[in-house]
Amino acid sequence: MTGDARNTYAEMLAAVQAFHDKHQLRQYGGEDLPYRVALMAEELGEISACVTKGKAQEALAEECADLLILLIGTAIAGDFDLEDAFWNKMDRLGDRESRIIEGRIRVSEFRET
């Protein structure tokens, strides 16, 4: 895919679904959710290595793309609409407060203890 065909979440979802179908991930355990969590943890480690070792921006972008592909694939495996989940969460985040904690901004549901 090139150009405008690559600009929507629906196209990304279709591409990841085609990858799952091509490699028969559902049939051979590739959509097992605990396995997918392990793969995402591995990708986070690779993202961390890019940042902490000062690797090129292209390496970081590739690792982030790997994580995004895994997230979309997890939505396929978990049978939920990630796009809806994203927008629902963004709506909730818009109502949250931010605070500076230890010199860094944090946006959360702060609970008084």
PDB file of N, CA and C in Angstrom:
ATOM      1  N   MET A   1       0.835  -1.191   0.000  1.00  0.00           N
ATOM      2  CA  MET A   1       0.000   0.000   0.000  1.00  0.00           C
ATOM      3  C   MET A   1       0.872   1.243   0.000  1.00  0.00           C
ATOM      4  N   THR A   2       0.408   2.231  -0.690  1.00  0.00           N
ATOM      5  CA  THR A   2       1.131   3.498  -0.712  1.00  0.00           C
ATOM      6  C   THR A   2       0.132   4.642  -0.682  1.00  0.00           C
ATOM      7  N   GLY A   3       0.647   5.805  -0.408  1.00  0.00           N
ATOM      8  CA  GLY A   3      -0.163   7.018  -0.471  1.00  0.00           C
ATOM      9  C   GLY A   3      -1.323   7.034   0.493  1.00  0.00           C
ATOM     10  N   ASP A   4      -2.477   7.540   0.018  1.00  0.00           N
ATOM     11  CA  ASP A   4      -3.642   7.729   0.863  1.00  0.00           C
ATOM     12  C   ASP A   4      -4.197   6.432   1.437  1.00  0.00           C
ATOM     13  N   ALA A   5      -3.957   5.291   0.792  1.00  0.00           N
ATOM     14  CA  ALA A   5      -4.480   4.018   1.278  1.00  0.00           C
ATOM     15  C   ALA A   5      -3.855   3.639   2.620  1.00  0.00           C
ATOM     16  N   ARG A   6      -2.813   4.336   3.021  1.00  0.00           N
ATOM     17  CA  ARG A   6      -2.125   4.002   4.264  1.00  0.00           C
ATOM     18  C   ARG A   6      -2.388   5.022   5.357  1.00  0.00           C
ATOM     19  N   ASN A   7      -3.450   5.796   5.234  1.00  0.00           N
ATOM     20  CA  ASN A   7      -3.663   6.894   6.161  1.00  0.00           C
ATOM     21  C   ASN A   7      -4.726   6.655   7.218  1.00  0.00           C
ATOM     22  N   THR A   8      -5.418   5.532   7.196  1.00  0.00           N
ATOM     23  CA  THR A   8      -6.490   5.342   8.149  1.00  0.00           C
ATOM     24  C   THR A   8      -6.230   4.132   9.039  1.00  0.00           C
ATOM     25  N   TYR A   9      -6.846   4.167  10.202  1.00  0.00           N
ATOM     26  CA  TYR A   9      -6.744   3.019  11.095  1.00  0.00           C
ATOM     27  C   TYR A   9      -7.318   1.773  10.430  1.00  0.00           C
ATOM     28  N   ALA A  10      -8.396   1.929   9.679  1.00  0.00           N
ATOM     29  CA  ALA A  10      -9.003   0.775   9.006  1.00  0.00           C
ATOM     30  C   ALA A  10      -8.004   0.092   8.073  1.00  0.00           C
ATOM     31  N   GLU A  11      -7.185   0.876   7.385  1.00  0.00           N
ATOM     32  CA  GLU A  11      -6.169   0.297   6.496  1.00  0.00           C
ATOM     33  C   GLU A  11      -5.068  -0.396   7.297  1.00  0.00           C
ATOM     34  N   MET A  12      -4.705   0.192   8.427  1.00  0.00           N
ATOM     35  CA  MET A  12      -3.703  -0.440   9.286  1.00  0.00           C
ATOM     36  C   MET A  12      -4.237  -1.765   9.824  1.00  0.00           C
ATOM     37  N   LEU A  13      -5.487  -1.747  10.267  1.00  0.00           N
ATOM     38  CA  LEU A  13      -6.123  -2.961  10.781  1.00  0.00           C
ATOM     39  C   LEU A  13      -6.172  -4.041   9.709  1.00  0.00           C
ATOM     40  N   ALA A  14      -6.542  -3.667   8.496  1.00  0.00           N
ATOM     41  CA  ALA A  14      -6.601  -4.630   7.389  1.00  0.00           C
ATOM     42  C   ALA A  14      -5.225  -5.214   7.089  1.00  0.00           C
ATOM     43  N   ALA A  15      -4.192  -4.384   7.146  1.00  0.00           N
ATOM     44  CA  ALA A  15      -2.833  -4.866   6.876  1.00  0.00           C
ATOM     45  C   ALA A  15      -2.382  -5.852   7.952  1.00  0.00           C
ATOM     46  N   VAL A  16      -2.670  -5.555   9.221  1.00  0.00           N
ATOM     47  CA  VAL A  16      -2.286  -6.460  10.298  1.00  0.00           C
ATOM     48  C   VAL A  16      -3.103  -7.747  10.210  1.00  0.00           C
ATOM     49  N   GLN A  17      -4.392  -7.635   9.885  1.00  0.00           N
ATOM     50  CA  GLN A  17      -5.219  -8.837   9.729  1.00  0.00           C
ATOM     51  C   GLN A  17      -4.678  -9.703   8.598  1.00  0.00           C
ATOM     52  N   ALA A  18      -4.268  -9.099   7.503  1.00  0.00           N
ATOM     53  CA  ALA A  18      -3.692  -9.859   6.381  1.00  0.00           C
ATOM     54  C   ALA A  18      -2.408 -10.571   6.822  1.00  0.00           C
ATOM     55  N   PHE A  19      -1.594  -9.916   7.641  1.00  0.00           N
ATOM     56  CA  PHE A  19      -0.381 -10.530   8.176  1.00  0.00           C
ATOM     57  C   PHE A  19      -0.741 -11.735   9.054  1.00  0.00           C
ATOM     58  N   HIS A  20      -1.735 -11.557   9.920  1.00  0.00           N
ATOM     59  CA  HIS A  20      -2.186 -12.663  10.772  1.00  0.00           C
ATOM     60  C   HIS A  20      -2.682 -13.830   9.932  1.00  0.00           C
ATOM     61  N   ASP A  21      -3.464 -13.518   8.900  1.00  0.00           N
ATOM     62  CA  ASP A  21      -4.002 -14.563   8.029  1.00  0.00           C
ATOM     63  C   ASP A  21      -2.888 -15.267   7.260  1.00  0.00           C
ATOM     64  N   LYS A  22      -1.969 -14.506   6.702  1.00  0.00           N
ATOM     65  CA  LYS A  22      -0.873 -15.073   5.914  1.00  0.00           C
ATOM     66  C   LYS A  22      -0.054 -16.072   6.730  1.00  0.00           C
ATOM     67  N   HIS A  23       0.208 -15.723   7.989  1.00  0.00           N
ATOM     68  CA  HIS A  23       1.060 -16.563   8.826  1.00  0.00           C
ATOM     69  C   HIS A  23       0.262 -17.472   9.761  1.00  0.00           C
ATOM     70  N   GLN A  24      -1.048 -17.481   9.601  1.00  0.00           N
ATOM     71  CA  GLN A  24      -1.955 -18.336  10.366  1.00  0.00           C
ATOM     72  C   GLN A  24      -1.723 -18.199  11.875  1.00  0.00           C
ATOM     73  N   LEU A  25      -1.615 -16.964  12.328  1.00  0.00           N
ATOM     74  CA  LEU A  25      -1.340 -16.717  13.738  1.00  0.00           C
ATOM     75  C   LEU A  25      -2.419 -17.305  14.646  1.00  0.00           C
ATOM     76  N   ARG A  26      -3.678 -17.187  14.259  1.00  0.00           N
ATOM     77  CA  ARG A  26      -4.761 -17.723  15.103  1.00  0.00           C
ATOM     78  C   ARG A  26      -4.622 -19.232  15.259  1.00  0.00           C
ATOM     79  N   GLN A  27      -4.282 -19.913  14.165  1.00  0.00           N
ATOM     80  CA  GLN A  27      -4.201 -21.374  14.182  1.00  0.00           C
ATOM     81  C   GLN A  27      -2.995 -21.895  14.954  1.00  0.00           C
ATOM     82  N   TYR A  28      -1.923 -21.112  15.031  1.00  0.00           N
ATOM     83  CA  TYR A  28      -0.672 -21.601  15.610  1.00  0.00           C
ATOM     84  C   TYR A  28      -0.223 -20.854  16.868  1.00  0.00           C
ATOM     85  N   GLY A  29      -1.163 -20.305  17.614  1.00  0.00           N
ATOM     86  CA  GLY A  29      -0.850 -19.710  18.906  1.00  0.00           C
ATOM     87  C   GLY A  29      -0.366 -18.281  18.888  1.00  0.00           C
ATOM     88  N   GLY A  30      -0.275 -17.675  17.717  1.00  0.00           N
ATOM     89  CA  GLY A  30       0.214 -16.303  17.628  1.00  0.00           C
ATOM     90  C   GLY A  30      -0.772 -15.267  18.125  1.00  0.00           C
ATOM     91  N   GLU A  31      -2.024 -15.673  18.352  1.00  0.00           N
ATOM     92  CA  GLU A  31      -3.013 -14.749  18.899  1.00  0.00           C
ATOM     93  C   GLU A  31      -3.327 -15.047  20.359  1.00  0.00           C
ATOM     94  N   ASP A  32      -2.550 -15.926  20.979  1.00  0.00           N
ATOM     95  CA  ASP A  32      -2.697 -16.221  22.400  1.00  0.00           C
ATOM     96  C   ASP A  32      -2.327 -14.956  23.179  1.00  0.00           C
ATOM     97  N   LEU A  33      -3.225 -14.459  23.991  1.00  0.00           N
ATOM     98  CA  LEU A  33      -3.008 -13.157  24.636  1.00  0.00           C
ATOM     99  C   LEU A  33      -1.796 -13.118  25.566  1.00  0.00           C
ATOM    100  N   PRO A  34      -1.547 -14.129  26.416  1.00  0.00           N
ATOM    101  CA  PRO A  34      -0.322 -14.061  27.217  1.00  0.00           C
ATOM    102  C   PRO A  34       0.948 -14.016  26.362  1.00  0.00           C
ATOM    103  N   TYR A  35       0.948 -14.724  25.243  1.00  0.00           N
ATOM    104  CA  TYR A  35       2.084 -14.696  24.319  1.00  0.00           C
ATOM    105  C   TYR A  35       2.266 -13.298  23.743  1.00  0.00           C
ATOM    106  N   ARG A  36       1.157 -12.667  23.402  1.00  0.00           N
ATOM    107  CA  ARG A  36       1.224 -11.326  22.819  1.00  0.00           C
ATOM    108  C   ARG A  36       1.739 -10.321  23.844  1.00  0.00           C
ATOM    109  N   VAL A  37       1.348 -10.472  25.115  1.00  0.00           N
ATOM    110  CA  VAL A  37       1.860  -9.594  26.170  1.00  0.00           C
ATOM    111  C   VAL A  37       3.379  -9.733  26.267  1.00  0.00           C
ATOM    112  N   ALA A  38       3.861 -10.961  26.179  1.00  0.00           N
ATOM    113  CA  ALA A  38       5.314 -11.186  26.226  1.00  0.00           C
ATOM    114  C   ALA A  38       6.005 -10.511  25.042  1.00  0.00           C
ATOM    115  N   LEU A  39       5.400 -10.595  23.866  1.00  0.00           N
ATOM    116  CA  LEU A  39       5.976  -9.944  22.684  1.00  0.00           C
ATOM    117  C   LEU A  39       5.996  -8.427  22.855  1.00  0.00           C
ATOM    118  N   MET A  40       4.924  -7.866  23.441  1.00  0.00           N
ATOM    119  CA  MET A  40       4.888  -6.422  23.658  1.00  0.00           C
ATOM    120  C   MET A  40       5.949  -6.002  24.680  1.00  0.00           C
ATOM    121  N   ALA A  41       6.143  -6.812  25.720  1.00  0.00           N
ATOM    122  CA  ALA A  41       7.196  -6.510  26.700  1.00  0.00           C
ATOM    123  C   ALA A  41       8.565  -6.520  26.026  1.00  0.00           C
ATOM    124  N   GLU A  42       8.769  -7.472  25.118  1.00  0.00           N
ATOM    125  CA  GLU A  42      10.028  -7.534  24.369  1.00  0.00           C
ATOM    126  C   GLU A  42      10.222  -6.271  23.542  1.00  0.00           C
ATOM    127  N   GLU A  43       9.168  -5.830  22.879  1.00  0.00           N
ATOM    128  CA  GLU A  43       9.263  -4.609  22.077  1.00  0.00           C
ATOM    129  C   GLU A  43       9.526  -3.383  22.946  1.00  0.00           C
ATOM    130  N   LEU A  44       8.914  -3.315  24.121  1.00  0.00           N
ATOM    131  CA  LEU A  44       9.196  -2.199  25.028  1.00  0.00           C
ATOM    132  C   LEU A  44      10.663  -2.188  25.431  1.00  0.00           C
ATOM    133  N   GLY A  45      11.230  -3.369  25.627  1.00  0.00           N
ATOM    134  CA  GLY A  45      12.663  -3.460  25.926  1.00  0.00           C
ATOM    135  C   GLY A  45      13.495  -2.926  24.782  1.00  0.00           C
ATOM    136  N   GLU A  46      13.097  -3.225  23.555  1.00  0.00           N
ATOM    137  CA  GLU A  46      13.826  -2.730  22.391  1.00  0.00           C
ATOM    138  C   GLU A  46      13.673  -1.220  22.245  1.00  0.00           C
ATOM    139  N   ILE A  47      12.494  -0.700  22.567  1.00  0.00           N
ATOM    140  CA  ILE A  47      12.292   0.756  22.557  1.00  0.00           C
ATOM    141  C   ILE A  47      13.179   1.397  23.617  1.00  0.00           C
ATOM    142  N   SER A  48      13.197   0.806  24.793  1.00  0.00           N
ATOM    143  CA  SER A  48      14.039   1.315  25.878  1.00  0.00           C
ATOM    144  C   SER A  48      15.506   1.340  25.461  1.00  0.00           C
ATOM    145  N   ALA A  49      15.960   0.273  24.819  1.00  0.00           N
ATOM    146  CA  ALA A  49      17.354   0.214  24.374  1.00  0.00           C
ATOM    147  C   ALA A  49      17.655   1.322  23.373  1.00  0.00           C
ATOM    148  N   CYS A  50      16.708   1.608  22.491  1.00  0.00           N
ATOM    149  CA  CYS A  50      16.911   2.696  21.527  1.00  0.00           C
ATOM    150  C   CYS A  50      17.120   4.024  22.242  1.00  0.00           C
ATOM    151  N   VAL A  51      16.307   4.255  23.259  1.00  0.00           N
ATOM    152  CA  VAL A  51      16.380   5.530  23.975  1.00  0.00           C
ATOM    153  C   VAL A  51      17.629   5.599  24.847  1.00  0.00           C
ATOM    154  N   THR A  52      17.864   4.564  25.639  1.00  0.00           N
ATOM    155  CA  THR A  52      18.967   4.621  26.594  1.00  0.00           C
ATOM    156  C   THR A  52      20.332   4.509  25.937  1.00  0.00           C
ATOM    157  N   LYS A  53      20.390   3.897  24.755  1.00  0.00           N
ATOM    158  CA  LYS A  53      21.667   3.745  24.067  1.00  0.00           C
ATOM    159  C   LYS A  53      21.856   4.784  22.972  1.00  0.00           C
ATOM    160  N   GLY A  54      20.902   5.713  22.878  1.00  0.00           N
ATOM    161  CA  GLY A  54      21.037   6.808  21.924  1.00  0.00           C
ATOM    162  C   GLY A  54      21.023   6.371  20.472  1.00  0.00           C
ATOM    163  N   LYS A  55      20.254   5.330  20.162  1.00  0.00           N
ATOM    164  CA  LYS A  55      20.195   4.859  18.769  1.00  0.00           C
ATOM    165  C   LYS A  55      19.484   5.876  17.898  1.00  0.00           C
ATOM    166  N   ALA A  56      19.656   5.740  16.618  1.00  0.00           N
ATOM    167  CA  ALA A  56      19.082   6.676  15.645  1.00  0.00           C
ATOM    168  C   ALA A  56      17.556   6.707  15.742  1.00  0.00           C
ATOM    169  N   GLN A  57      16.999   7.856  15.378  1.00  0.00           N
ATOM    170  CA  GLN A  57      15.557   8.050  15.392  1.00  0.00           C
ATOM    171  C   GLN A  57      14.850   6.990  14.546  1.00  0.00           C
ATOM    172  N   GLU A  58      15.463   6.558  13.455  1.00  0.00           N
ATOM    173  CA  GLU A  58      14.849   5.550  12.588  1.00  0.00           C
ATOM    174  C   GLU A  58      14.683   4.224  13.321  1.00  0.00           C
ATOM    175  N   ALA A  59      15.645   3.871  14.164  1.00  0.00           N
ATOM    176  CA  ALA A  59      15.559   2.629  14.943  1.00  0.00           C
ATOM    177  C   ALA A  59      14.418   2.721  15.953  1.00  0.00           C
ATOM    178  N   LEU A  60      14.307   3.867  16.613  1.00  0.00           N
ATOM    179  CA  LEU A  60      13.222   4.076  17.568  1.00  0.00           C
ATOM    180  C   LEU A  60      11.872   4.005  16.859  1.00  0.00           C
ATOM    181  N   ALA A  61      11.773   4.644  15.710  1.00  0.00           N
ATOM    182  CA  ALA A  61      10.519   4.632  14.949  1.00  0.00           C
ATOM    183  C   ALA A  61      10.135   3.209  14.552  1.00  0.00           C
ATOM    184  N   GLU A  62      11.108   2.414  14.132  1.00  0.00           N
ATOM    185  CA  GLU A  62      10.827   1.032  13.736  1.00  0.00           C
ATOM    186  C   GLU A  62      10.331   0.208  14.921  1.00  0.00           C
ATOM    187  N   GLU A  63      10.954   0.376  16.072  1.00  0.00           N
ATOM    188  CA  GLU A  63      10.534  -0.380  17.257  1.00  0.00           C
ATOM    189  C   GLU A  63       9.142   0.060  17.714  1.00  0.00           C
ATOM    190  N   CYS A  64       8.858   1.354  17.628  1.00  0.00           N
ATOM    191  CA  CYS A  64       7.512   1.835  17.965  1.00  0.00           C
ATOM    192  C   CYS A  64       6.481   1.277  16.987  1.00  0.00           C
ATOM    193  N   ALA A  65       6.845   1.184  15.705  1.00  0.00           N
ATOM    194  CA  ALA A  65       5.946   0.590  14.718  1.00  0.00           C
ATOM    195  C   ALA A  65       5.694  -0.877  15.050  1.00  0.00           C
ATOM    196  N   ASP A  66       6.737  -1.599  15.463  1.00  0.00           N
ATOM    197  CA  ASP A  66       6.559  -2.999  15.874  1.00  0.00           C
ATOM    198  C   ASP A  66       5.542  -3.097  17.008  1.00  0.00           C
ATOM    199  N   LEU A  67       5.650  -2.206  17.993  1.00  0.00           N
ATOM    200  CA  LEU A  67       4.728  -2.227  19.122  1.00  0.00           C
ATOM    201  C   LEU A  67       3.310  -1.898  18.665  1.00  0.00           C
ATOM    202  N   LEU A  68       3.159  -0.929  17.785  1.00  0.00           N
ATOM    203  CA  LEU A  68       1.840  -0.574  17.263  1.00  0.00           C
ATOM    204  C   LEU A  68       1.219  -1.754  16.520  1.00  0.00           C
ATOM    205  N   ILE A  69       2.004  -2.435  15.716  1.00  0.00           N
ATOM    206  CA  ILE A  69       1.510  -3.613  14.990  1.00  0.00           C
ATOM    207  C   ILE A  69       1.057  -4.684  15.983  1.00  0.00           C
ATOM    208  N   LEU A  70       1.840  -4.886  17.042  1.00  0.00           N
ATOM    209  CA  LEU A  70       1.441  -5.855  18.069  1.00  0.00           C
ATOM    210  C   LEU A  70       0.162  -5.418  18.776  1.00  0.00           C
ATOM    211  N   LEU A  71       0.014  -4.135  19.064  1.00  0.00           N
ATOM    212  CA  LEU A  71      -1.209  -3.644  19.708  1.00  0.00           C
ATOM    213  C   LEU A  71      -2.427  -3.857  18.821  1.00  0.00           C
ATOM    214  N   ILE A  72      -2.298  -3.543  17.548  1.00  0.00           N
ATOM    215  CA  ILE A  72      -3.414  -3.758  16.628  1.00  0.00           C
ATOM    216  C   ILE A  72      -3.720  -5.254  16.536  1.00  0.00           C
ATOM    217  N   GLY A  73      -2.681  -6.074  16.475  1.00  0.00           N
ATOM    218  CA  GLY A  73      -2.880  -7.523  16.436  1.00  0.00           C
ATOM    219  C   GLY A  73      -3.511  -8.050  17.706  1.00  0.00           C
ATOM    220  N   THR A  74      -3.219  -7.437  18.831  1.00  0.00           N
ATOM    221  CA  THR A  74      -3.840  -7.839  20.087  1.00  0.00           C
ATOM    222  C   THR A  74      -5.318  -7.492  20.083  1.00  0.00           C
ATOM    223  N   ALA A  75      -5.675  -6.390  19.470  1.00  0.00           N
ATOM    224  CA  ALA A  75      -7.094  -6.051  19.317  1.00  0.00           C
ATOM    225  C   ALA A  75      -7.792  -7.100  18.455  1.00  0.00           C
ATOM    226  N   ILE A  76      -7.120  -7.559  17.418  1.00  0.00           N
ATOM    227  CA  ILE A  76      -7.681  -8.628  16.585  1.00  0.00           C
ATOM    228  C   ILE A  76      -7.846  -9.890  17.422  1.00  0.00           C
ATOM    229  N   ALA A  77      -6.786 -10.262  18.136  1.00  0.00           N
ATOM    230  CA  ALA A  77      -6.812 -11.485  18.938  1.00  0.00           C
ATOM    231  C   ALA A  77      -7.835 -11.403  20.068  1.00  0.00           C
ATOM    232  N   GLY A  78      -7.961 -10.230  20.671  1.00  0.00           N
ATOM    233  CA  GLY A  78      -8.884 -10.042  21.783  1.00  0.00           C
ATOM    234  C   GLY A  78     -10.292  -9.693  21.353  1.00  0.00           C
ATOM    235  N   ASP A  79     -10.481  -9.541  20.046  1.00  0.00           N
ATOM    236  CA  ASP A  79     -11.790  -9.251  19.464  1.00  0.00           C
ATOM    237  C   ASP A  79     -12.409  -7.981  20.052  1.00  0.00           C
ATOM    238  N   PHE A  80     -11.626  -6.899  20.059  1.00  0.00           N
ATOM    239  CA  PHE A  80     -12.171  -5.610  20.465  1.00  0.00           C
ATOM    240  C   PHE A  80     -11.759  -4.545  19.460  1.00  0.00           C
ATOM    241  N   ASP A  81     -12.506  -3.457  19.461  1.00  0.00           N
ATOM    242  CA  ASP A  81     -12.275  -2.358  18.532  1.00  0.00           C
ATOM    243  C   ASP A  81     -11.295  -1.369  19.168  1.00  0.00           C
ATOM    244  N   LEU A  82     -10.055  -1.438  18.761  1.00  0.00           N
ATOM    245  CA  LEU A  82      -9.016  -0.584  19.331  1.00  0.00           C
ATOM    246  C   LEU A  82      -9.257   0.885  19.003  1.00  0.00           C
ATOM    247  N   GLU A  83      -9.790   1.168  17.836  1.00  0.00           N
ATOM    248  CA  GLU A  83     -10.067   2.556  17.480  1.00  0.00           C
ATOM    249  C   GLU A  83     -11.098   3.160  18.429  1.00  0.00           C
ATOM    250  N   ASP A  84     -12.173   2.433  18.693  1.00  0.00           N
ATOM    251  CA  ASP A  84     -13.166   2.917  19.657  1.00  0.00           C
ATOM    252  C   ASP A  84     -12.559   3.055  21.048  1.00  0.00           C
ATOM    253  N   ALA A  85     -11.776   2.058  21.450  1.00  0.00           N
ATOM    254  CA  ALA A  85     -11.135   2.108  22.771  1.00  0.00           C
ATOM    255  C   ALA A  85     -10.230   3.329  22.877  1.00  0.00           C
ATOM    256  N   PHE A  86      -9.502   3.624  21.795  1.00  0.00           N
ATOM    257  CA  PHE A  86      -8.614   4.785  21.769  1.00  0.00           C
ATOM    258  C   PHE A  86      -9.398   6.073  22.001  1.00  0.00           C
ATOM    259  N   TRP A  87     -10.469   6.282  21.219  1.00  0.00           N
ATOM    260  CA  TRP A  87     -11.218   7.535  21.319  1.00  0.00           C
ATOM    261  C   TRP A  87     -11.963   7.635  22.646  1.00  0.00           C
ATOM    262  N   ASN A  88     -12.464   6.517  23.162  1.00  0.00           N
ATOM    263  CA  ASN A  88     -13.101   6.536  24.480  1.00  0.00           C
ATOM    264  C   ASN A  88     -12.098   6.946  25.549  1.00  0.00           C
ATOM    265  N   LYS A  89     -10.907   6.408  25.474  1.00  0.00           N
ATOM    266  CA  LYS A  89      -9.867   6.749  26.450  1.00  0.00           C
ATOM    267  C   LYS A  89      -9.438   8.207  26.301  1.00  0.00           C
ATOM    268  N   MET A  90      -9.274   8.688  25.064  1.00  0.00           N
ATOM    269  CA  MET A  90      -8.896  10.086  24.859  1.00  0.00           C
ATOM    270  C   MET A  90      -9.946  11.020  25.447  1.00  0.00           C
ATOM    271  N   ASP A  91     -11.222  10.669  25.292  1.00  0.00           N
ATOM    272  CA  ASP A  91     -12.283  11.492  25.889  1.00  0.00           C
ATOM    273  C   ASP A  91     -12.130  11.543  27.406  1.00  0.00           C
ATOM    274  N   ARG A  92     -11.842  10.408  28.024  1.00  0.00           N
ATOM    275  CA  ARG A  92     -11.668  10.367  29.478  1.00  0.00           C
ATOM    276  C   ARG A  92     -10.410  11.109  29.905  1.00  0.00           C
ATOM    277  N   LEU A  93      -9.343  10.982  29.132  1.00  0.00           N
ATOM    278  CA  LEU A  93      -8.100  11.690  29.461  1.00  0.00           C
ATOM    279  C   LEU A  93      -8.292  13.197  29.421  1.00  0.00           C
ATOM    280  N   GLY A  94      -9.150  13.669  28.526  1.00  0.00           N
ATOM    281  CA  GLY A  94      -9.399  15.102  28.399  1.00  0.00           C
ATOM    282  C   GLY A  94      -9.978  15.719  29.659  1.00  0.00           C
ATOM    283  N   ASP A  95     -10.602  14.896  30.494  1.00  0.00           N
ATOM    284  CA  ASP A  95     -11.205  15.385  31.732  1.00  0.00           C
ATOM    285  C   ASP A  95     -10.263  15.290  32.926  1.00  0.00           C
ATOM    286  N   ARG A  96      -9.077  14.740  32.732  1.00  0.00           N
ATOM    287  CA  ARG A  96      -8.164  14.522  33.856  1.00  0.00           C
ATOM    288  C   ARG A  96      -7.328  15.751  34.169  1.00  0.00           C
ATOM    289  N   GLU A  97      -6.892  15.802  35.405  1.00  0.00           N
ATOM    290  CA  GLU A  97      -5.997  16.863  35.853  1.00  0.00           C
ATOM    291  C   GLU A  97      -4.553  16.468  35.577  1.00  0.00           C
ATOM    292  N   SER A  98      -3.704  17.478  35.568  1.00  0.00           N
ATOM    293  CA  SER A  98      -2.268  17.204  35.493  1.00  0.00           C
ATOM    294  C   SER A  98      -1.608  17.785  36.731  1.00  0.00           C
ATOM    295  N   ARG A  99      -0.508  17.152  37.109  1.00  0.00           N
ATOM    296  CA  ARG A  99       0.283  17.612  38.243  1.00  0.00           C
ATOM    297  C   ARG A  99       1.750  17.427  37.912  1.00  0.00           C
ATOM    298  N   ILE A 100       2.557  18.256  38.532  1.00  0.00           N
ATOM    299  CA  ILE A 100       4.002  18.064  38.451  1.00  0.00           C
ATOM    300  C   ILE A 100       4.388  17.182  39.631  1.00  0.00           C
ATOM    301  N   ILE A 101       4.973  16.044  39.331  1.00  0.00           N
ATOM    302  CA  ILE A 101       5.416  15.106  40.361  1.00  0.00           C
ATOM    303  C   ILE A 101       6.885  14.816  40.113  1.00  0.00           C
ATOM    304  N   GLU A 102       7.699  15.148  41.099  1.00  0.00           N
ATOM    305  CA  GLU A 102       9.144  14.976  41.000  1.00  0.00           C
ATOM    306  C   GLU A 102       9.703  15.620  39.730  1.00  0.00           C
ATOM    307  N   GLY A 103       9.174  16.810  39.422  1.00  0.00           N
ATOM    308  CA  GLY A 103       9.692  17.598  38.314  1.00  0.00           C
ATOM    309  C   GLY A 103       9.164  17.242  36.938  1.00  0.00           C
ATOM    310  N   ARG A 104       8.237  16.280  36.872  1.00  0.00           N
ATOM    311  CA  ARG A 104       7.694  15.872  35.565  1.00  0.00           C
ATOM    312  C   ARG A 104       6.172  15.913  35.598  1.00  0.00           C
ATOM    313  N   ILE A 105       5.600  16.222  34.451  1.00  0.00           N
ATOM    314  CA  ILE A 105       4.144  16.303  34.349  1.00  0.00           C
ATOM    315  C   ILE A 105       3.534  14.909  34.404  1.00  0.00           C
ATOM    316  N   ARG A 106       2.413  14.792  35.072  1.00  0.00           N
ATOM    317  CA  ARG A 106       1.690  13.531  35.150  1.00  0.00           C
ATOM    318  C   ARG A 106       0.216  13.844  34.976  1.00  0.00           C
ATOM    319  N   VAL A 107      -0.450  13.141  34.083  1.00  0.00           N
ATOM    320  CA  VAL A 107      -1.890  13.277  33.877  1.00  0.00           C
ATOM    321  C   VAL A 107      -2.495  11.956  34.322  1.00  0.00           C
ATOM    322  N   SER A 108      -3.351  12.028  35.344  1.00  0.00           N
ATOM    323  CA  SER A 108      -3.870  10.790  35.911  1.00  0.00           C
ATOM    324  C   SER A 108      -5.184  11.050  36.615  1.00  0.00           C
ATOM    325  N   GLU A 109      -5.791   9.982  37.092  1.00  0.00           N
ATOM    326  CA  GLU A 109      -6.938  10.103  37.988  1.00  0.00           C
ATOM    327  C   GLU A 109      -6.353  10.095  39.392  1.00  0.00           C
ATOM    328  N   PHE A 110      -6.059  11.266  39.889  1.00  0.00           N
ATOM    329  CA  PHE A 110      -5.435  11.374  41.205  1.00  0.00           C
ATOM    330  C   PHE A 110      -6.489  11.106  42.265  1.00  0.00           C
ATOM    331  N   ARG A 111      -6.145  10.246  43.176  1.00  0.00           N
ATOM    332  CA  ARG A 111      -7.037   9.930  44.290  1.00  0.00           C
ATOM    333  C   ARG A 111      -6.375  10.417  45.569  1.00  0.00           C
ATOM    334  N   GLU A 112      -7.137  11.116  46.347  1.00  0.00           N
ATOM    335  CA  GLU A 112      -6.623  11.598  47.624  1.00  0.00           C
ATOM    336  C   GLU A 112      -6.584  10.423  48.593  1.00  0.00           C
ATOM    337  N   THR A 113      -5.476  10.287  49.305  1.00  0.00           N
ATOM    338  CA  THR A 113      -5.366   9.194  50.280  1.00  0.00           C
ATOM    339  C   THR A 113      -5.470   9.690  51.689  1.00  0.00           C
TER     340      THR A 113
END
